[in-house]
Amino acid sequence: MIIGTAGHIDHGKTTLVRALTGVETDRLKEEKARGISIELGYAYAPLPNGDVMGIIDVPGHERFVHTMAAGAVGIDHALLVVAADDGVMPQTLEHLEILQLLGVKKGTVALTKVDRVLPERVQEVKLEIAAILSVSSLHDSPIFETAASQPGDAGVQALREYLQVQAQMMPARAQDGLFRLAVDRVFTLPGQGTVVTGTVFNGKVSVGDNLVHSGSGQAVRVRSIHAQNQAADIGVAGQRCALNLAGIAKEDIIRGDWIADARVLQASDRIDIRLHLLAKHRPCSSGRRCTSTSAPSAAPPTSHCCKTVPMSPAPKCPRSWCWTTPYSPSPVTD
């Protein structure tokens, strides 16, 4: 299972991942100097059944939302982190919207820093979390109270055990279909050359396979594979894999590219789209943007534009500024 963190800056995502796995995901000098995550971080933890659970730690600053989205693509389970002192904040909502748009349907909430507030505040923030989750696919997500900076914290231990159970219960993804891996990182290793990492969306790959880079059309050959942080002969759908590639330079690959079976990258003049619109900015058929209005009452928000789109009522968040409809629980096609 691949878990992706989500949540506002300085809510303790990296500290929590370190407490869960023992891995420090902030590896850049600037991250350590500033005390914030800037790039995606990766951690792995063994499971009792011998499998490996992967965690992608994402930055919480609004300037790095594109990096967060890149890390959330392809995850199986969201770990939404909310600090007990701050409560629900703007990037809490934004990250939750991104998870909704990406179709993430399984998740867990970590309420962090509970050792810094009174019990009454913990309950207040739980109500905020319940309000924003109630119209999402994560509405049944359990909430764990944690104090990750405290050694041996019981909340962290309970969260770890829960995630391990969820990971072992998750069925393996189907391995049929043509191989494709979404690149989220590229680097070089001395004596080995270009390495890409990412999530395998479909199919499987073996050492020696010939694939194609989507951005340049260059043919590449797989020299070696690491799957879920372990050397392997094959990588399959649902795993995080690192592929050592021959035939292409690091400079030719960027985040967002695909390494895939050549048959996946056939050009086409048609595309099927399933559109999921956020309630706050719904475009009209004329090309203008809809404007949404809402108020803290029982009446649902409405759209005012050339074409009305049904919108779901929002729960009343205890904070007036987050009274909004962050998303519709089911896709809206137009």
Protein backbone atom coordinates (compact mmCIF):
# COMPACT_ATOMS: atom_id res chain seq x y z
CA MET A 1 0.00 0.00 0.00
CA ILE A 2 1.18 3.51 -0.81
CA ILE A 3 0.18 6.19 1.69
CA GLY A 4 0.32 9.90 0.94
CA THR A 5 0.30 12.61 3.58
CA ALA A 6 -1.82 15.75 3.21
CA GLY A 7 -2.32 18.84 5.32
CA HIS A 8 -1.35 22.42 6.10
CA ILE A 9 2.22 23.58 6.57
CA ASP A 10 3.74 23.02 10.03
CA HIS A 11 1.03 20.58 11.11
CA GLY A 12 3.61 17.89 11.74
CA LYS A 13 3.44 15.64 8.67
CA THR A 14 7.19 15.00 8.48
CA THR A 15 7.51 14.54 12.24
CA LEU A 16 4.66 12.04 12.14
CA VAL A 17 6.22 10.06 9.27
CA ARG A 18 9.51 9.95 11.18
CA ALA A 19 7.70 8.67 14.28
CA LEU A 20 5.87 6.03 12.24
CA THR A 21 8.84 4.76 10.22
CA GLY A 22 12.07 6.08 11.75
CA VAL A 23 12.87 7.76 8.40
CA GLU A 24 13.69 11.47 8.04
CA THR A 25 12.04 12.51 4.76
CA ASP A 26 13.41 16.08 4.71
CA ARG A 27 16.75 15.46 2.98
CA LEU A 28 17.56 18.84 1.38
CA LYS A 29 19.82 21.35 3.14
CA GLU A 30 17.25 24.11 2.59
CA GLU A 31 14.49 21.97 4.13
CA LYS A 32 16.56 21.39 7.25
CA ALA A 33 17.54 25.07 7.48
CA ARG A 34 13.98 26.38 7.07
CA GLY A 35 12.25 23.60 8.95
CA ILE A 36 9.68 22.99 6.20
CA SER A 37 9.27 20.38 3.47
CA ILE A 38 9.91 21.64 -0.06
CA GLU A 39 10.23 18.44 -2.06
CA LEU A 40 8.52 15.06 -1.87
CA GLY A 41 9.92 12.74 0.78
CA TYR A 42 9.78 8.95 0.84
CA ALA A 43 9.72 6.43 3.66
CA TYR A 44 9.15 2.69 3.80
CA ALA A 45 8.21 0.37 6.63
CA PRO A 46 8.13 -3.44 6.72
CA LEU A 47 4.82 -5.16 7.42
CA PRO A 48 4.31 -8.24 9.59
CA ASN A 49 3.39 -10.31 6.51
CA GLY A 50 6.68 -9.48 4.78
CA ASP A 51 5.32 -6.80 2.46
CA VAL A 52 6.50 -3.19 2.51
CA MET A 53 4.35 -0.11 3.14
CA GLY A 54 5.40 3.08 1.38
CA ILE A 55 4.71 6.63 2.55
CA ILE A 56 5.01 9.77 0.42
CA ASP A 57 5.46 12.91 2.53
CA VAL A 58 4.28 16.07 0.77
CA PRO A 59 4.97 19.77 1.45
CA GLY A 60 2.15 21.75 3.03
CA HIS A 61 3.00 25.30 1.89
CA GLU A 62 0.59 26.80 -0.64
CA ARG A 63 3.51 27.62 -2.98
CA PHE A 64 4.27 23.90 -3.32
CA VAL A 65 0.76 22.67 -4.06
CA HIS A 66 1.89 21.34 -7.46
CA THR A 67 4.50 19.23 -5.70
CA MET A 68 1.83 17.95 -3.31
CA ALA A 69 -0.40 16.96 -6.24
CA ALA A 70 2.49 15.13 -7.90
CA GLY A 71 3.02 13.10 -4.72
CA ALA A 72 -0.68 12.33 -4.25
CA VAL A 73 -1.13 10.90 -7.73
CA GLY A 74 -1.36 7.12 -7.51
CA ILE A 75 -1.60 6.76 -3.72
CA ASP A 76 -3.88 4.13 -2.20
CA HIS A 77 -4.52 5.74 1.17
CA ALA A 78 -4.48 9.35 2.37
CA LEU A 79 -3.07 10.34 5.76
CA LEU A 80 -4.66 13.72 6.46
CA VAL A 81 -2.71 15.57 9.16
CA VAL A 82 -4.37 18.33 11.21
CA ALA A 83 -2.69 20.06 14.14
CA ALA A 84 -4.74 20.38 17.31
CA ASP A 85 -3.53 23.93 17.97
CA ASP A 86 -4.31 25.33 14.50
CA GLY A 87 -7.23 23.12 13.51
CA VAL A 88 -8.51 23.12 9.94
CA MET A 89 -6.52 25.57 7.79
CA PRO A 90 -6.56 26.65 4.10
CA GLN A 91 -4.18 23.96 2.82
CA THR A 92 -6.08 21.35 4.83
CA LEU A 93 -9.04 22.13 2.59
CA GLU A 94 -6.98 22.50 -0.57
CA HIS A 95 -5.22 19.17 -0.09
CA LEU A 96 -8.54 17.50 0.66
CA GLU A 97 -9.92 18.87 -2.59
CA ILE A 98 -6.93 17.48 -4.49
CA LEU A 99 -7.42 14.05 -2.92
CA GLN A 100 -11.08 14.19 -3.95
CA LEU A 101 -10.22 15.11 -7.53
CA LEU A 102 -7.67 12.29 -7.71
CA GLY A 103 -10.28 9.77 -6.62
CA VAL A 104 -8.65 8.77 -3.32
CA LYS A 105 -11.34 6.91 -1.38
CA LYS A 106 -9.47 5.51 1.61
CA GLY A 107 -7.94 7.59 4.36
CA THR A 108 -7.03 8.17 7.97
CA VAL A 109 -6.77 11.39 9.98
CA ALA A 110 -3.92 12.11 12.35
CA LEU A 111 -4.75 14.83 14.86
CA THR A 112 -1.27 15.98 15.83
CA LYS A 113 0.18 18.05 18.69
CA VAL A 114 -2.59 17.04 21.10
CA ASP A 115 -0.08 17.40 23.93
CA ARG A 116 -0.02 21.16 23.36
CA VAL A 117 -3.73 21.89 23.88
CA LEU A 118 -6.52 21.27 26.37
CA PRO A 119 -8.91 18.32 25.87
CA GLU A 120 -11.70 20.76 25.01
CA ARG A 121 -9.66 22.03 22.06
CA VAL A 122 -9.08 18.47 20.81
CA GLN A 123 -12.82 17.87 20.70
CA GLU A 124 -13.41 21.19 18.94
CA VAL A 125 -10.94 20.34 16.19
CA LYS A 126 -12.46 16.89 15.80
CA LEU A 127 -15.77 18.61 15.01
CA GLU A 128 -14.03 20.77 12.40
CA ILE A 129 -12.50 17.68 10.79
CA ALA A 130 -15.83 15.83 10.79
CA ALA A 131 -17.47 18.81 9.10
CA ILE A 132 -15.04 19.02 6.18
CA LEU A 133 -14.91 15.25 5.70
CA SER A 134 -18.67 14.75 5.78
CA VAL A 135 -19.16 15.57 2.08
CA SER A 136 -16.06 13.75 0.88
CA SER A 137 -15.20 10.15 0.10
CA LEU A 138 -13.14 10.15 3.30
CA HIS A 139 -16.17 10.69 5.55
CA ASP A 140 -15.66 7.40 7.39
CA SER A 141 -11.97 7.99 8.12
CA PRO A 142 -10.95 7.33 11.74
CA ILE A 143 -9.19 10.07 13.71
CA PHE A 144 -6.11 9.25 15.81
CA GLU A 145 -4.90 11.65 18.50
CA THR A 146 -1.11 11.83 18.33
CA ALA A 147 1.85 13.58 19.92
CA ALA A 148 4.56 12.48 17.50
CA SER A 149 7.34 14.47 19.17
CA GLN A 150 6.88 12.40 22.33
CA PRO A 151 8.86 9.11 22.36
CA GLY A 152 6.64 6.04 22.54
CA ASP A 153 3.43 7.99 22.01
CA ALA A 154 0.42 5.65 22.30
CA GLY A 155 -1.47 7.51 19.57
CA VAL A 156 1.34 7.05 17.07
CA GLN A 157 1.56 3.36 17.96
CA ALA A 158 -2.18 2.91 17.48
CA LEU A 159 -2.01 4.73 14.13
CA ARG A 160 0.93 2.58 13.01
CA GLU A 161 -0.90 -0.63 13.86
CA TYR A 162 -4.04 0.55 12.07
CA LEU A 163 -2.14 1.47 8.90
CA GLN A 164 -0.34 -1.88 8.95
CA VAL A 165 -3.67 -3.71 9.11
CA GLN A 166 -5.09 -1.62 6.29
CA ALA A 167 -2.00 -2.27 4.16
CA GLN A 168 -2.19 -6.04 4.69
CA MET A 169 -5.91 -6.10 3.91
CA MET A 170 -5.60 -4.12 0.70
CA PRO A 171 -5.95 -6.35 -2.38
CA ALA A 172 -3.14 -6.25 -4.92
CA ARG A 173 -3.78 -4.15 -8.00
CA ALA A 174 -4.42 -5.97 -11.25
CA GLN A 175 -1.18 -6.47 -13.14
CA ASP A 176 -2.73 -6.76 -16.57
CA GLY A 177 -2.57 -3.92 -19.07
CA LEU A 178 0.43 -2.14 -20.54
CA PHE A 179 3.15 -0.84 -18.24
CA ARG A 180 3.26 2.84 -17.33
CA LEU A 181 5.08 4.63 -14.53
CA ALA A 182 4.46 8.27 -13.59
CA VAL A 183 7.79 9.97 -12.93
CA ASP A 184 7.98 12.12 -9.80
CA ARG A 185 11.77 12.20 -9.36
CA VAL A 186 14.84 11.80 -11.59
CA PHE A 187 18.52 11.71 -10.60
CA THR A 188 21.81 10.05 -11.46
CA LEU A 189 23.91 7.58 -9.49
CA PRO A 190 27.69 7.28 -10.01
CA GLY A 191 28.46 4.31 -12.23
CA GLN A 192 24.78 3.62 -12.92
CA GLY A 193 23.41 6.62 -14.78
CA THR A 194 19.83 7.86 -14.94
CA VAL A 195 17.31 6.74 -12.35
CA VAL A 196 13.61 7.62 -12.27
CA THR A 197 11.19 6.95 -9.44
CA GLY A 198 7.42 6.92 -9.41
CA THR A 199 4.27 4.89 -9.00
CA VAL A 200 3.44 2.06 -11.37
CA PHE A 201 -0.12 2.62 -12.60
CA ASN A 202 -0.54 -0.41 -14.87
CA GLY A 203 1.13 -3.64 -15.87
CA LYS A 204 4.56 -4.83 -14.83
CA VAL A 205 8.17 -4.25 -15.81
CA SER A 206 11.17 -6.56 -15.77
CA VAL A 207 14.91 -5.99 -15.93
CA GLY A 208 15.90 -5.82 -19.59
CA ASP A 209 12.54 -4.49 -20.83
CA ASN A 210 12.53 -1.83 -23.53
CA LEU A 211 10.24 1.11 -22.84
CA VAL A 212 9.66 4.65 -24.13
CA HIS A 213 9.98 8.09 -22.52
CA SER A 214 6.79 10.08 -23.14
CA GLY A 215 8.41 13.51 -23.34
CA SER A 216 11.01 12.77 -26.01
CA GLY A 217 9.87 9.52 -27.58
CA GLN A 218 13.30 8.04 -26.81
CA ALA A 219 13.59 4.30 -26.34
CA VAL A 220 15.05 3.27 -22.98
CA ARG A 221 16.14 -0.03 -21.47
CA VAL A 222 15.62 -1.04 -17.83
CA ARG A 223 18.99 -1.91 -16.28
CA SER A 224 17.78 -2.58 -12.75
CA ILE A 225 14.73 -2.15 -10.53
CA HIS A 226 14.02 -1.25 -6.93
CA ALA A 227 10.41 -1.96 -5.91
CA GLN A 228 9.16 -0.61 -2.57
CA ASN A 229 12.77 0.25 -1.70
CA GLN A 230 14.04 -3.29 -2.31
CA ALA A 231 16.10 -4.66 -5.21
CA ALA A 232 13.82 -6.67 -7.48
CA ASP A 233 13.65 -8.33 -10.90
CA ILE A 234 10.14 -7.00 -11.59
CA GLY A 235 7.94 -4.09 -10.60
CA VAL A 236 4.15 -4.26 -10.68
CA ALA A 237 1.12 -1.98 -10.55
CA GLY A 238 0.61 -0.43 -7.13
CA GLN A 239 4.29 -0.33 -6.22
CA ARG A 240 6.66 2.58 -5.99
CA CYS A 241 9.57 1.72 -8.24
CA ALA A 242 12.98 3.12 -9.10
CA LEU A 243 14.11 2.25 -12.62
CA ASN A 244 17.75 2.55 -13.67
CA LEU A 245 17.50 3.45 -17.36
CA ALA A 246 19.93 3.17 -20.25
CA GLY A 247 19.57 5.30 -23.36
CA ILE A 248 18.48 8.64 -21.87
CA ALA A 249 20.04 11.49 -19.87
CA LYS A 250 18.70 12.91 -16.63
CA GLU A 251 18.23 16.31 -18.28
CA ASP A 252 15.73 14.85 -20.78
CA ILE A 253 13.25 13.79 -18.07
CA ILE A 254 11.07 15.95 -15.82
CA ARG A 255 8.45 15.28 -13.17
CA GLY A 256 5.14 14.43 -14.84
CA ASP A 257 6.67 12.42 -17.68
CA TRP A 258 5.83 8.76 -18.21
CA ILE A 259 8.05 5.74 -18.74
CA ALA A 260 5.78 3.31 -20.51
CA ASP A 261 5.23 0.51 -22.97
CA ALA A 262 5.46 2.01 -26.46
CA ARG A 263 1.87 0.95 -27.19
CA VAL A 264 0.57 3.20 -24.39
CA LEU A 265 2.07 6.27 -26.06
CA GLN A 266 0.25 6.01 -29.37
CA ALA A 267 -0.94 9.41 -30.63
CA SER A 268 -4.69 9.99 -30.88
CA ASP A 269 -7.04 12.75 -32.03
CA ARG A 270 -9.77 11.77 -29.54
CA ILE A 271 -9.97 11.79 -25.76
CA ASP A 272 -12.64 10.72 -23.26
CA ILE A 273 -12.96 12.98 -20.23
CA ARG A 274 -14.74 12.46 -16.93
CA LEU A 275 -14.93 15.93 -15.40
CA HIS A 276 -15.20 16.57 -11.67
CA LEU A 277 -15.78 20.27 -10.95
CA LEU A 278 -15.06 21.99 -7.67
CA ALA A 279 -18.02 23.98 -6.45
CA LYS A 280 -16.17 27.25 -5.91
CA HIS A 281 -15.16 27.87 -9.53
CA ARG A 282 -17.46 26.13 -11.97
CA PRO A 283 -16.93 27.26 -15.58
CA CYS A 284 -20.03 27.92 -17.67
CA SER A 285 -20.73 26.63 -21.14
CA SER A 286 -19.99 30.12 -22.45
CA GLY A 287 -16.47 29.99 -21.07
CA ARG A 288 -17.13 32.40 -18.19
CA ARG A 289 -16.61 31.33 -14.61
CA CYS A 290 -19.54 30.70 -12.30
CA THR A 291 -19.56 32.43 -8.95
CA SER A 292 -20.72 30.47 -5.93
CA THR A 293 -22.46 32.04 -2.99
CA SER A 294 -23.00 30.40 0.35
CA ALA A 295 -24.04 31.39 3.83
CA PRO A 296 -24.12 29.64 7.20
CA SER A 297 -27.74 28.51 6.92
CA ALA A 298 -29.66 25.39 5.98
CA ALA A 299 -30.00 26.53 2.36
CA PRO A 300 -27.44 24.99 -0.03
CA PRO A 301 -25.06 27.21 -2.01
CA THR A 302 -26.09 28.11 -5.55
CA SER A 303 -24.26 28.88 -8.78
CA HIS A 304 -25.00 32.06 -10.72
CA CYS A 305 -23.97 31.99 -14.35
CA CYS A 306 -25.30 31.27 -17.79
CA LYS A 307 -25.99 27.66 -16.81
CA THR A 308 -26.91 26.43 -13.35
CA VAL A 309 -25.08 23.39 -12.02
CA PRO A 310 -26.54 21.51 -9.02
CA MET A 311 -24.35 21.81 -5.97
CA SER A 312 -24.22 19.84 -2.76
CA PRO A 313 -24.97 21.51 0.58
CA ALA A 314 -21.97 22.14 2.78
CA PRO A 315 -21.79 21.22 6.44
CA LYS A 316 -21.36 24.05 8.91
CA CYS A 317 -17.70 24.26 9.79
CA PRO A 318 -17.12 25.87 13.21
CA ARG A 319 -14.89 28.41 11.43
CA SER A 320 -16.76 31.00 9.39
CA TRP A 321 -13.98 31.35 6.80
CA CYS A 322 -14.15 27.70 5.81
CA TRP A 323 -17.91 27.72 5.30
CA THR A 324 -17.85 26.61 1.70
CA THR A 325 -18.57 23.71 -0.58
CA PRO A 326 -15.05 22.43 -1.28
CA TYR A 327 -16.33 19.79 -3.69
CA SER A 328 -19.32 17.76 -4.76
CA PRO A 329 -19.22 14.17 -3.47
CA SER A 330 -19.98 12.73 -6.88
CA PRO A 331 -18.54 13.81 -10.25
CA VAL A 332 -20.44 16.47 -12.18
CA THR A 333 -20.22 16.18 -15.95
CA ASP A 334 -21.08 19.07 -18.21
